[in-house]
Amino acid sequence: MKRLFSSIIDGRGFDVALVALPLAFLLSISGLALVYNVVMSFQEVDMFSLGTLWRPFVGFKNYRDLFAQPETLPILANTAIFVVASIAGQFVIGFGLALFFWTSFPGASWLRGLFLVSWVMPGLVAGAIWNWILSGDFGVLNFILRESGLISGNIFWRSDPDYSLWAVVIANIWLGTSFNMILLSVGLSAIPGDLYEAAELDGANAWQRFRTITLPMMRSSIGAIVALGLIFTLQQFDLFAAITSGGPNNSSNVTQYWAWDMSFRQYDFAKGATISVIMIVFVMIASIVYVRSTRHEVRG
């Protein structure tokens, strides 16, 4: 017992305890809920049987029924468009801002801090702000587009099926750009300045330095940011609830909002769990990409 206590205090047992306690907490909180959700996707669950432990087992019937519904493929397509457009917009704008603030100038620190407001702001608050900005009658975005001559009449971003999904994409890009900017700024600061000086002495222009030094040195950071962006974007729910509620006619509906709607509005908890399991698969793929991207950084 004395040797066991000693190993926990200052030996290998202490390291094991540091890992075991958080792991046990995660397994008890997240692991059990994940297993419960997966099991529920293979059962018949409604509001009357939700409180019972033993429910009818239906196998893959929920999955077959889900993909037989006519709205499934359009919602999956909306999700793919939302994820790709959001990640691309956040990354491009975030990378541009990171490069901009990389060049030191007076006031760069506090100006960079202002961009963090969007990241720390709750999603529902950001959704309410963009709800006003995207208003078809008195929205600021329509005013700017009209005054600049880009449009002649108002665009009803939230209620027009052609624009409703892009309204949420615009808001999500604004919400996540600062996160990309901060992580990319950290990656840029880790690149040795001697490499740029040597390349400049060899006659390389700005584009050549960016293509041959910046991008290769940022490969692991870019992979991690894209993977995290995929995870965060698939978790985005607040903006849909605040701006479009998945409408009109599912034109802006995505899987994360559909799972909530199926469970807590239509009370088909089995279908909601089935949609969540499908999302978990994509999140796990993104997690694998993230781990592989950061493996080089961990090894040094």
Protein backbone atom coordinates (compact mmCIF):
# COMPACT_ATOMS: atom_id res chain seq x y z
CA MET A 1 0.00 0.00 0.00
CA LYS A 2 2.89 2.35 0.81
CA ARG A 3 4.49 1.64 -2.59
CA LEU A 4 1.18 2.23 -4.33
CA PHE A 5 0.69 5.53 -2.54
CA SER A 6 4.27 6.55 -3.34
CA SER A 7 3.82 5.77 -7.03
CA ILE A 8 0.68 7.89 -7.15
CA ILE A 9 2.46 10.81 -5.51
CA ASP A 10 5.67 10.97 -7.53
CA GLY A 11 5.82 8.02 -9.89
CA ARG A 12 4.14 6.59 -12.95
CA GLY A 13 0.89 6.13 -11.07
CA PHE A 14 0.55 9.91 -10.78
CA ASP A 15 0.69 10.26 -14.56
CA VAL A 16 -1.86 7.48 -14.96
CA ALA A 17 -4.15 9.18 -12.42
CA LEU A 18 -3.93 12.48 -14.27
CA VAL A 19 -5.11 10.76 -17.44
CA ALA A 20 -7.57 8.33 -15.85
CA LEU A 21 -9.64 10.86 -13.92
CA PRO A 22 -10.49 13.16 -16.88
CA LEU A 23 -10.98 10.10 -19.10
CA ALA A 24 -13.42 8.57 -16.63
CA PHE A 25 -15.29 11.88 -16.46
CA LEU A 26 -15.55 12.08 -20.27
CA LEU A 27 -16.68 8.48 -20.56
CA SER A 28 -19.33 8.92 -17.89
CA ILE A 29 -20.69 12.20 -19.26
CA SER A 30 -20.13 12.05 -23.03
CA GLY A 31 -19.49 8.36 -23.65
CA LEU A 32 -22.69 7.09 -22.08
CA ALA A 33 -24.76 9.73 -23.87
CA LEU A 34 -23.13 8.81 -27.17
CA VAL A 35 -23.81 5.10 -26.68
CA TYR A 36 -27.40 5.86 -25.61
CA ASN A 37 -27.91 7.96 -28.76
CA VAL A 38 -26.54 5.23 -31.03
CA VAL A 39 -28.72 2.56 -29.37
CA MET A 40 -31.78 4.79 -29.66
CA SER A 41 -31.24 5.10 -33.43
CA PHE A 42 -31.92 1.35 -33.71
CA GLN A 43 -35.11 1.48 -31.64
CA GLU A 44 -38.64 2.76 -32.02
CA VAL A 45 -38.86 5.75 -29.70
CA ASP A 46 -41.60 8.30 -29.33
CA MET A 47 -42.75 10.60 -26.53
CA PHE A 48 -44.62 7.73 -24.84
CA SER A 49 -41.73 5.25 -24.79
CA LEU A 50 -38.94 7.76 -24.16
CA GLY A 51 -39.02 7.22 -20.41
CA THR A 52 -38.78 3.44 -20.65
CA LEU A 53 -35.53 1.48 -20.80
CA TRP A 54 -36.66 -1.38 -23.06
CA ARG A 55 -38.06 -0.31 -26.41
CA PRO A 56 -38.84 -2.21 -29.63
CA PHE A 57 -35.67 -2.93 -31.61
CA VAL A 58 -36.15 -2.11 -35.31
CA GLY A 59 -32.62 -2.55 -36.67
CA PHE A 60 -31.79 -0.24 -39.58
CA LYS A 61 -35.43 0.70 -40.20
CA ASN A 62 -34.89 4.26 -38.96
CA TYR A 63 -31.97 4.71 -41.36
CA ARG A 64 -33.94 3.27 -44.30
CA ASP A 65 -36.97 5.41 -43.51
CA LEU A 66 -34.82 8.49 -43.10
CA PHE A 67 -33.18 8.17 -46.51
CA ALA A 68 -36.56 7.34 -48.06
CA GLN A 69 -37.94 10.74 -47.02
CA PRO A 70 -37.93 13.26 -49.90
CA GLU A 71 -36.37 16.05 -47.80
CA THR A 72 -33.33 14.04 -46.70
CA LEU A 73 -31.11 14.55 -49.75
CA PRO A 74 -31.86 18.30 -50.07
CA ILE A 75 -31.08 18.79 -46.36
CA LEU A 76 -27.82 16.83 -46.70
CA ALA A 77 -26.96 18.98 -49.73
CA ASN A 78 -27.73 22.13 -47.71
CA THR A 79 -25.45 20.86 -44.96
CA ALA A 80 -22.61 20.25 -47.42
CA ILE A 81 -23.03 23.72 -48.96
CA PHE A 82 -23.19 25.34 -45.53
CA VAL A 83 -20.08 23.54 -44.27
CA VAL A 84 -17.94 24.09 -47.39
CA ALA A 85 -18.95 27.74 -47.88
CA SER A 86 -18.54 28.58 -44.18
CA ILE A 87 -15.13 26.94 -43.83
CA ALA A 88 -13.86 28.45 -47.10
CA GLY A 89 -15.09 31.94 -46.21
CA GLN A 90 -13.77 31.82 -42.65
CA PHE A 91 -10.41 30.50 -43.77
CA VAL A 92 -9.84 32.91 -46.66
CA ILE A 93 -10.89 36.02 -44.72
CA GLY A 94 -9.15 34.82 -41.56
CA PHE A 95 -5.92 34.12 -43.45
CA GLY A 96 -6.09 37.55 -45.08
CA LEU A 97 -6.56 39.23 -41.69
CA ALA A 98 -3.75 37.16 -40.16
CA LEU A 99 -1.38 38.26 -42.95
CA PHE A 100 -2.57 41.86 -42.53
CA PHE A 101 -1.90 41.93 -38.78
CA TRP A 102 1.37 40.05 -39.28
CA THR A 103 2.82 43.30 -40.61
CA SER A 104 3.36 45.35 -37.48
CA PHE A 105 1.77 48.79 -37.44
CA PRO A 106 0.57 51.13 -34.67
CA GLY A 107 -2.68 49.94 -33.09
CA ALA A 108 -2.50 46.43 -34.53
CA SER A 109 -2.94 44.76 -31.14
CA TRP A 110 -6.13 46.51 -30.08
CA LEU A 111 -7.56 46.34 -33.61
CA ARG A 112 -6.96 42.60 -33.64
CA GLY A 113 -8.74 42.38 -30.30
CA LEU A 114 -11.85 44.01 -31.78
CA PHE A 115 -12.21 41.11 -34.21
CA LEU A 116 -12.49 38.72 -31.25
CA VAL A 117 -15.86 40.22 -30.34
CA SER A 118 -17.60 38.01 -32.89
CA TRP A 119 -15.99 34.85 -31.48
CA VAL A 120 -16.84 35.47 -27.82
CA MET A 121 -20.39 36.59 -28.64
CA PRO A 122 -23.08 33.93 -27.97
CA GLY A 123 -24.55 32.40 -31.10
CA LEU A 124 -28.12 33.49 -30.34
CA VAL A 125 -27.00 37.09 -29.81
CA ALA A 126 -25.06 37.03 -33.08
CA GLY A 127 -28.11 35.51 -34.77
CA ALA A 128 -30.35 38.29 -33.43
CA ILE A 129 -27.94 40.95 -34.73
CA TRP A 130 -27.77 39.35 -38.16
CA ASN A 131 -31.54 38.96 -38.10
CA TRP A 132 -31.73 42.76 -38.13
CA ILE A 133 -28.90 43.20 -40.61
CA LEU A 134 -30.51 40.76 -43.08
CA SER A 135 -34.02 42.15 -42.75
CA GLY A 136 -35.62 42.58 -46.18
CA ASP A 137 -37.38 45.85 -45.35
CA PHE A 138 -34.94 47.81 -43.18
CA GLY A 139 -31.78 45.69 -43.14
CA VAL A 140 -28.36 47.31 -43.24
CA LEU A 141 -27.04 44.86 -45.83
CA ASN A 142 -29.77 45.72 -48.33
CA PHE A 143 -29.11 49.42 -47.76
CA ILE A 144 -25.40 49.03 -48.48
CA LEU A 145 -26.03 46.93 -51.59
CA ARG A 146 -28.63 49.41 -52.91
CA GLU A 147 -26.45 52.45 -52.29
CA SER A 148 -23.50 50.77 -54.02
CA GLY A 149 -25.65 49.96 -57.05
CA LEU A 150 -25.29 46.18 -56.74
CA ILE A 151 -29.04 45.62 -56.38
CA SER A 152 -32.08 47.64 -57.44
CA GLY A 153 -34.63 46.19 -55.00
CA ASN A 154 -34.65 44.62 -51.57
CA ILE A 155 -33.53 41.01 -51.11
CA PHE A 156 -35.52 39.12 -48.51
CA TRP A 157 -32.61 37.08 -47.22
CA ARG A 158 -34.50 35.13 -44.55
CA SER A 159 -37.69 34.29 -46.45
CA ASP A 160 -36.47 33.83 -50.02
CA PRO A 161 -35.60 30.14 -50.68
CA ASP A 162 -32.76 31.22 -52.99
CA TYR A 163 -31.03 33.29 -50.29
CA SER A 164 -32.07 31.86 -46.91
CA LEU A 165 -29.20 29.37 -46.63
CA TRP A 166 -26.67 31.99 -47.72
CA ALA A 167 -27.99 34.35 -45.06
CA VAL A 168 -26.88 31.88 -42.39
CA VAL A 169 -23.59 31.24 -44.23
CA ILE A 170 -22.78 34.97 -44.14
CA ALA A 171 -23.54 35.16 -40.42
CA ASN A 172 -21.49 32.03 -39.68
CA ILE A 173 -18.51 33.34 -41.65
CA TRP A 174 -18.60 36.51 -39.57
CA LEU A 175 -18.89 34.45 -36.39
CA GLY A 176 -15.90 32.18 -37.06
CA THR A 177 -13.47 34.40 -38.96
CA SER A 178 -11.74 35.72 -35.84
CA PHE A 179 -11.07 32.16 -34.60
CA ASN A 180 -9.34 31.34 -37.89
CA MET A 181 -7.43 34.62 -37.74
CA ILE A 182 -6.03 33.93 -34.26
CA LEU A 183 -4.93 30.36 -35.01
CA LEU A 184 -3.40 31.35 -38.34
CA SER A 185 -1.61 34.27 -36.67
CA VAL A 186 -0.05 31.81 -34.22
CA GLY A 187 1.08 29.64 -37.12
CA LEU A 188 2.57 32.60 -38.96
CA SER A 189 4.48 33.77 -35.90
CA ALA A 190 6.14 30.34 -35.64
CA ILE A 191 7.77 30.66 -39.10
CA PRO A 192 11.44 31.77 -38.78
CA GLY A 193 12.05 35.18 -40.31
CA ASP A 194 15.44 34.02 -41.63
CA LEU A 195 13.68 31.98 -44.30
CA TYR A 196 12.00 35.05 -45.77
CA GLU A 197 15.22 37.06 -45.63
CA ALA A 198 17.13 34.33 -47.46
CA ALA A 199 14.38 33.99 -50.08
CA GLU A 200 14.27 37.74 -50.60
CA LEU A 201 18.04 37.82 -51.11
CA ASP A 202 17.61 35.09 -53.73
CA GLY A 203 15.19 37.32 -55.61
CA ALA A 204 11.88 35.70 -54.63
CA ASN A 205 8.89 38.03 -54.82
CA ALA A 206 6.07 38.18 -52.28
CA TRP A 207 3.93 35.55 -54.04
CA GLN A 208 6.85 33.15 -54.38
CA ARG A 209 7.70 33.54 -50.69
CA PHE A 210 4.10 32.91 -49.77
CA ARG A 211 3.84 29.82 -52.01
CA THR A 212 7.19 28.24 -51.14
CA ILE A 213 7.58 29.20 -47.46
CA THR A 214 4.32 30.29 -45.84
CA LEU A 215 1.98 27.62 -47.16
CA PRO A 216 4.33 24.63 -46.64
CA MET A 217 5.24 25.79 -43.13
CA MET A 218 1.56 26.30 -42.30
CA ARG A 219 0.41 22.89 -43.60
CA SER A 220 -0.23 21.33 -40.20
CA SER A 221 -1.92 24.48 -38.87
CA ILE A 222 -4.15 24.72 -41.92
CA GLY A 223 -5.17 21.06 -41.58
CA ALA A 224 -6.02 21.53 -37.91
CA ILE A 225 -8.02 24.71 -38.60
CA VAL A 226 -10.04 23.11 -41.39
CA ALA A 227 -10.78 20.06 -39.22
CA LEU A 228 -11.84 22.23 -36.26
CA GLY A 229 -13.89 24.37 -38.62
CA LEU A 230 -15.74 21.28 -39.82
CA ILE A 231 -16.50 20.23 -36.24
CA PHE A 232 -17.66 23.69 -35.15
CA THR A 233 -19.73 24.23 -38.30
CA LEU A 234 -21.53 20.91 -37.92
CA GLN A 235 -22.34 21.98 -34.35
CA GLN A 236 -23.79 25.33 -35.41
CA PHE A 237 -27.40 25.49 -34.32
CA ASP A 238 -28.03 28.93 -32.83
CA LEU A 239 -27.84 30.88 -36.08
CA PHE A 240 -30.46 28.70 -37.78
CA ALA A 241 -32.76 28.99 -34.77
CA ALA A 242 -32.37 32.78 -34.68
CA ILE A 243 -32.41 33.63 -38.40
CA THR A 244 -34.40 31.18 -40.55
CA SER A 245 -35.63 28.26 -38.38
CA GLY A 246 -34.71 25.99 -41.28
CA GLY A 247 -37.20 27.58 -43.66
CA PRO A 248 -38.79 28.43 -45.86
CA ASN A 249 -39.78 24.91 -46.95
CA ASN A 250 -36.47 23.41 -45.69
CA SER A 251 -34.46 25.65 -48.04
CA SER A 252 -32.07 26.52 -45.20
CA ASN A 253 -32.49 23.37 -43.13
CA VAL A 254 -29.36 21.43 -42.19
CA THR A 255 -28.80 18.19 -40.32
CA GLN A 256 -28.04 19.72 -36.91
CA TYR A 257 -31.24 21.77 -36.91
CA TRP A 258 -33.22 18.93 -38.48
CA ALA A 259 -32.18 16.55 -35.69
CA TRP A 260 -33.49 19.01 -33.09
CA ASP A 261 -36.69 19.63 -35.04
CA MET A 262 -37.31 15.91 -35.51
CA SER A 263 -36.80 15.20 -31.80
CA PHE A 264 -38.36 18.15 -30.00
CA ARG A 265 -40.99 19.38 -32.45
CA GLN A 266 -42.12 16.21 -34.18
CA TYR A 267 -41.27 14.00 -31.14
CA ASP A 268 -39.67 11.35 -33.34
CA PHE A 269 -36.68 10.82 -31.07
CA ALA A 270 -35.45 7.77 -32.96
CA LYS A 271 -35.15 9.71 -36.23
CA GLY A 272 -33.46 12.58 -34.40
CA ALA A 273 -30.95 10.14 -32.93
CA THR A 274 -30.40 8.63 -36.39
CA ILE A 275 -29.56 12.03 -37.85
CA SER A 276 -27.18 12.67 -34.95
CA VAL A 277 -25.37 9.38 -35.55
CA ILE A 278 -24.84 10.32 -39.20
CA MET A 279 -23.36 13.62 -38.06
CA ILE A 280 -21.13 11.84 -35.54
CA VAL A 281 -19.53 9.89 -38.39
CA PHE A 282 -18.46 13.10 -40.13
CA VAL A 283 -17.25 14.64 -36.86
CA MET A 284 -15.13 11.55 -36.19
CA ILE A 285 -13.59 11.85 -39.66
CA ALA A 286 -12.79 15.50 -38.95
CA SER A 287 -11.30 14.53 -35.57
CA ILE A 288 -9.00 11.99 -37.23
CA VAL A 289 -7.85 14.65 -39.71
CA TYR A 290 -7.24 17.05 -36.82
CA VAL A 291 -5.17 14.53 -34.85
CA ARG A 292 -3.10 13.62 -37.92
CA SER A 293 -2.56 17.32 -38.69
CA THR A 294 -1.28 18.11 -35.21
CA ARG A 295 0.86 14.97 -34.85
CA HIS A 296 3.85 16.73 -36.44
CA GLU A 297 3.49 19.68 -34.06
CA VAL A 298 3.33 17.38 -31.02
CA ARG A 299 6.46 15.53 -32.09
CA GLY A 300 8.20 18.84 -32.70
